Amino acid sequence: MIPGVELSDHASFWRHGFPGVLVTDTGPFRNDNYHLESDVAHSLDFGRMAMVIAGVLHVLEEIAGVPAPEPTG
């Protein structure tokens, strides 16, 4: 287990025997502003968040059997 992972919403499902998934970019370990008044947009790493979203999309497409898009260029 990763320290703090039980603090997310999915943990309450786990405690009651339901499957749950946590998708995280581990923000609390990289952003000292996490859940503080200083936790504002300019303290976020939008590039890294975009990579997380792209990765999650790829995993979901793989699970659903969606073919990968043709390379462009």
N, C-alpha and C. Protein backbone atom coordinates (compact mmCIF):
# COMPACT_ATOMS: atom_id res chain seq x y z
N MET A 1 0.84 -1.20 0.00
CA MET A 1 0.00 0.00 0.00
C MET A 1 0.88 1.24 0.00
N ILE A 2 0.37 2.26 -0.62
CA ILE A 2 1.02 3.57 -0.63
C ILE A 2 0.45 4.37 0.54
N PRO A 3 1.30 4.98 1.36
CA PRO A 3 0.77 5.77 2.48
C PRO A 3 -0.24 6.81 2.00
N GLY A 4 -1.38 6.87 2.67
CA GLY A 4 -2.41 7.85 2.34
C GLY A 4 -3.42 7.38 1.32
N VAL A 5 -3.18 6.23 0.66
CA VAL A 5 -4.10 5.78 -0.38
C VAL A 5 -5.50 5.48 0.19
N GLU A 6 -5.55 5.14 1.46
CA GLU A 6 -6.84 4.83 2.08
C GLU A 6 -7.68 6.08 2.35
N LEU A 7 -7.12 7.24 2.10
CA LEU A 7 -7.85 8.49 2.34
C LEU A 7 -8.75 8.88 1.18
N SER A 8 -8.66 8.20 0.06
CA SER A 8 -9.44 8.55 -1.11
C SER A 8 -10.82 7.90 -1.07
N ASP A 9 -11.71 8.35 -1.95
CA ASP A 9 -13.10 7.89 -1.96
C ASP A 9 -13.24 6.38 -2.17
N HIS A 10 -12.36 5.78 -2.95
CA HIS A 10 -12.49 4.36 -3.25
C HIS A 10 -12.36 3.48 -2.02
N ALA A 11 -11.66 3.95 -1.00
CA ALA A 11 -11.39 3.13 0.19
C ALA A 11 -12.67 2.73 0.91
N SER A 12 -13.65 3.61 0.93
CA SER A 12 -14.91 3.26 1.60
C SER A 12 -15.61 2.12 0.89
N PHE A 13 -15.46 2.01 -0.42
CA PHE A 13 -16.02 0.88 -1.16
C PHE A 13 -15.28 -0.40 -0.79
N TRP A 14 -13.95 -0.32 -0.73
CA TRP A 14 -13.14 -1.49 -0.35
C TRP A 14 -13.56 -2.02 1.01
N ARG A 15 -13.76 -1.11 1.97
CA ARG A 15 -14.11 -1.53 3.34
C ARG A 15 -15.41 -2.31 3.38
N HIS A 16 -16.28 -2.07 2.42
CA HIS A 16 -17.58 -2.75 2.40
C HIS A 16 -17.65 -3.87 1.36
N GLY A 17 -16.49 -4.27 0.86
CA GLY A 17 -16.41 -5.42 -0.03
C GLY A 17 -16.71 -5.14 -1.49
N PHE A 18 -16.80 -3.87 -1.89
CA PHE A 18 -17.05 -3.53 -3.28
C PHE A 18 -15.73 -3.19 -3.97
N PRO A 19 -15.58 -3.58 -5.23
CA PRO A 19 -14.35 -3.20 -5.92
C PRO A 19 -14.34 -1.69 -6.16
N GLY A 20 -13.18 -1.13 -6.10
CA GLY A 20 -13.01 0.30 -6.35
C GLY A 20 -11.64 0.53 -6.93
N VAL A 21 -11.50 1.60 -7.68
CA VAL A 21 -10.24 1.91 -8.33
C VAL A 21 -9.83 3.34 -7.95
N LEU A 22 -8.57 3.49 -7.67
CA LEU A 22 -8.01 4.81 -7.43
C LEU A 22 -7.06 5.11 -8.57
N VAL A 23 -7.28 6.22 -9.22
CA VAL A 23 -6.36 6.71 -10.24
C VAL A 23 -5.75 7.98 -9.65
N THR A 24 -4.45 8.00 -9.53
CA THR A 24 -3.80 9.14 -8.92
C THR A 24 -2.50 9.48 -9.63
N ASP A 25 -2.19 10.75 -9.62
CA ASP A 25 -0.88 11.16 -10.10
C ASP A 25 0.03 11.41 -8.90
N THR A 26 -0.37 10.91 -7.75
CA THR A 26 0.36 11.02 -6.47
C THR A 26 0.60 12.47 -6.08
N GLY A 27 -0.35 13.33 -6.38
CA GLY A 27 -0.24 14.75 -6.07
C GLY A 27 0.17 15.07 -4.64
N PRO A 28 -0.38 14.38 -3.65
CA PRO A 28 -0.01 14.71 -2.27
C PRO A 28 1.48 14.53 -1.99
N PHE A 29 2.15 13.69 -2.78
CA PHE A 29 3.58 13.46 -2.56
C PHE A 29 4.45 14.43 -3.36
N ARG A 30 3.84 15.19 -4.28
CA ARG A 30 4.60 16.09 -5.14
C ARG A 30 4.23 17.55 -4.96
N ASN A 31 3.09 17.82 -4.35
CA ASN A 31 2.62 19.20 -4.23
C ASN A 31 2.42 19.53 -2.75
N ASP A 32 3.29 20.35 -2.22
CA ASP A 32 3.20 20.73 -0.80
C ASP A 32 1.95 21.55 -0.49
N ASN A 33 1.23 21.98 -1.51
CA ASN A 33 0.02 22.77 -1.31
C ASN A 33 -1.24 21.92 -1.21
N TYR A 34 -1.13 20.62 -1.38
CA TYR A 34 -2.29 19.72 -1.47
C TYR A 34 -3.23 19.93 -0.28
N HIS A 35 -4.49 20.26 -0.61
CA HIS A 35 -5.57 20.48 0.35
C HIS A 35 -5.32 21.62 1.32
N LEU A 36 -4.51 22.57 0.93
CA LEU A 36 -4.29 23.78 1.71
C LEU A 36 -4.88 24.97 0.96
N GLU A 37 -4.96 26.13 1.61
CA GLU A 37 -5.45 27.33 0.92
C GLU A 37 -4.58 27.66 -0.28
N SER A 38 -3.33 27.29 -0.23
CA SER A 38 -2.41 27.56 -1.34
C SER A 38 -2.54 26.54 -2.48
N ASP A 39 -3.48 25.60 -2.37
CA ASP A 39 -3.71 24.59 -3.41
C ASP A 39 -4.57 25.23 -4.51
N VAL A 40 -3.90 26.00 -5.36
CA VAL A 40 -4.56 26.74 -6.43
C VAL A 40 -3.98 26.31 -7.77
N ALA A 41 -4.62 26.72 -8.84
CA ALA A 41 -4.28 26.24 -10.18
C ALA A 41 -2.81 26.40 -10.53
N HIS A 42 -2.19 27.53 -10.19
CA HIS A 42 -0.80 27.72 -10.61
C HIS A 42 0.18 26.83 -9.84
N SER A 43 -0.30 26.12 -8.81
CA SER A 43 0.59 25.19 -8.09
C SER A 43 0.50 23.77 -8.66
N LEU A 44 -0.32 23.58 -9.70
CA LEU A 44 -0.53 22.25 -10.27
C LEU A 44 0.35 22.03 -11.49
N ASP A 45 0.64 20.76 -11.75
CA ASP A 45 1.45 20.38 -12.91
C ASP A 45 0.49 19.82 -13.98
N PHE A 46 -0.04 20.72 -14.81
CA PHE A 46 -1.03 20.31 -15.80
C PHE A 46 -0.45 19.37 -16.85
N GLY A 47 0.82 19.51 -17.17
CA GLY A 47 1.45 18.59 -18.11
C GLY A 47 1.44 17.16 -17.59
N ARG A 48 1.79 16.99 -16.33
CA ARG A 48 1.79 15.66 -15.74
C ARG A 48 0.36 15.11 -15.63
N MET A 49 -0.59 15.98 -15.29
CA MET A 49 -1.98 15.53 -15.22
C MET A 49 -2.47 15.07 -16.59
N ALA A 50 -2.07 15.76 -17.64
CA ALA A 50 -2.46 15.35 -18.99
C ALA A 50 -1.89 13.97 -19.33
N MET A 51 -0.66 13.71 -18.90
CA MET A 51 -0.07 12.38 -19.14
C MET A 51 -0.84 11.30 -18.38
N VAL A 52 -1.27 11.59 -17.16
CA VAL A 52 -2.06 10.62 -16.39
C VAL A 52 -3.37 10.34 -17.11
N ILE A 53 -4.04 11.38 -17.57
CA ILE A 53 -5.31 11.21 -18.29
C ILE A 53 -5.12 10.39 -19.55
N ALA A 54 -4.07 10.68 -20.31
CA ALA A 54 -3.80 9.92 -21.53
C ALA A 54 -3.53 8.45 -21.20
N GLY A 55 -2.81 8.19 -20.12
CA GLY A 55 -2.53 6.82 -19.73
C GLY A 55 -3.78 6.07 -19.30
N VAL A 56 -4.64 6.73 -18.53
CA VAL A 56 -5.90 6.10 -18.09
C VAL A 56 -6.77 5.82 -19.30
N LEU A 57 -6.86 6.77 -20.23
CA LEU A 57 -7.64 6.56 -21.45
C LEU A 57 -7.13 5.34 -22.20
N HIS A 58 -5.81 5.22 -22.33
CA HIS A 58 -5.22 4.08 -23.03
C HIS A 58 -5.61 2.76 -22.34
N VAL A 59 -5.52 2.71 -21.04
CA VAL A 59 -5.88 1.49 -20.30
C VAL A 59 -7.35 1.15 -20.52
N LEU A 60 -8.22 2.15 -20.42
CA LEU A 60 -9.65 1.90 -20.61
C LEU A 60 -9.95 1.42 -22.03
N GLU A 61 -9.26 2.02 -23.01
CA GLU A 61 -9.46 1.57 -24.40
C GLU A 61 -8.99 0.13 -24.57
N GLU A 62 -7.88 -0.23 -23.94
CA GLU A 62 -7.38 -1.61 -24.01
C GLU A 62 -8.40 -2.57 -23.40
N ILE A 63 -8.92 -2.22 -22.23
CA ILE A 63 -9.90 -3.07 -21.55
C ILE A 63 -11.14 -3.24 -22.41
N ALA A 64 -11.58 -2.15 -23.05
CA ALA A 64 -12.78 -2.18 -23.87
C ALA A 64 -12.55 -2.77 -25.25
N GLY A 65 -11.29 -3.03 -25.61
CA GLY A 65 -11.00 -3.60 -26.91
C GLY A 65 -11.06 -2.59 -28.05
N VAL A 66 -10.89 -1.32 -27.74
CA VAL A 66 -10.90 -0.28 -28.76
C VAL A 66 -9.55 -0.29 -29.46
N PRO A 67 -9.53 -0.39 -30.78
CA PRO A 67 -8.23 -0.39 -31.47
C PRO A 67 -7.50 0.93 -31.31
N ALA A 68 -6.19 0.85 -31.25
CA ALA A 68 -5.38 2.05 -31.14
C ALA A 68 -5.50 2.89 -32.40
N PRO A 69 -5.48 4.21 -32.27
CA PRO A 69 -5.57 5.05 -33.47
C PRO A 69 -4.32 4.92 -34.32
N GLU A 70 -4.51 5.14 -35.60
CA GLU A 70 -3.38 5.11 -36.54
C GLU A 70 -2.47 6.30 -36.25
N PRO A 71 -1.16 6.10 -36.33
CA PRO A 71 -0.26 7.25 -36.12
C PRO A 71 -0.47 8.29 -37.20
N THR A 72 -0.33 9.55 -36.79
CA THR A 72 -0.47 10.66 -37.76
C THR A 72 0.90 11.21 -38.08
N GLY A 73 0.98 11.87 -39.19
CA GLY A 73 2.20 12.60 -39.47
C GLY A 73 2.96 12.09 -40.60
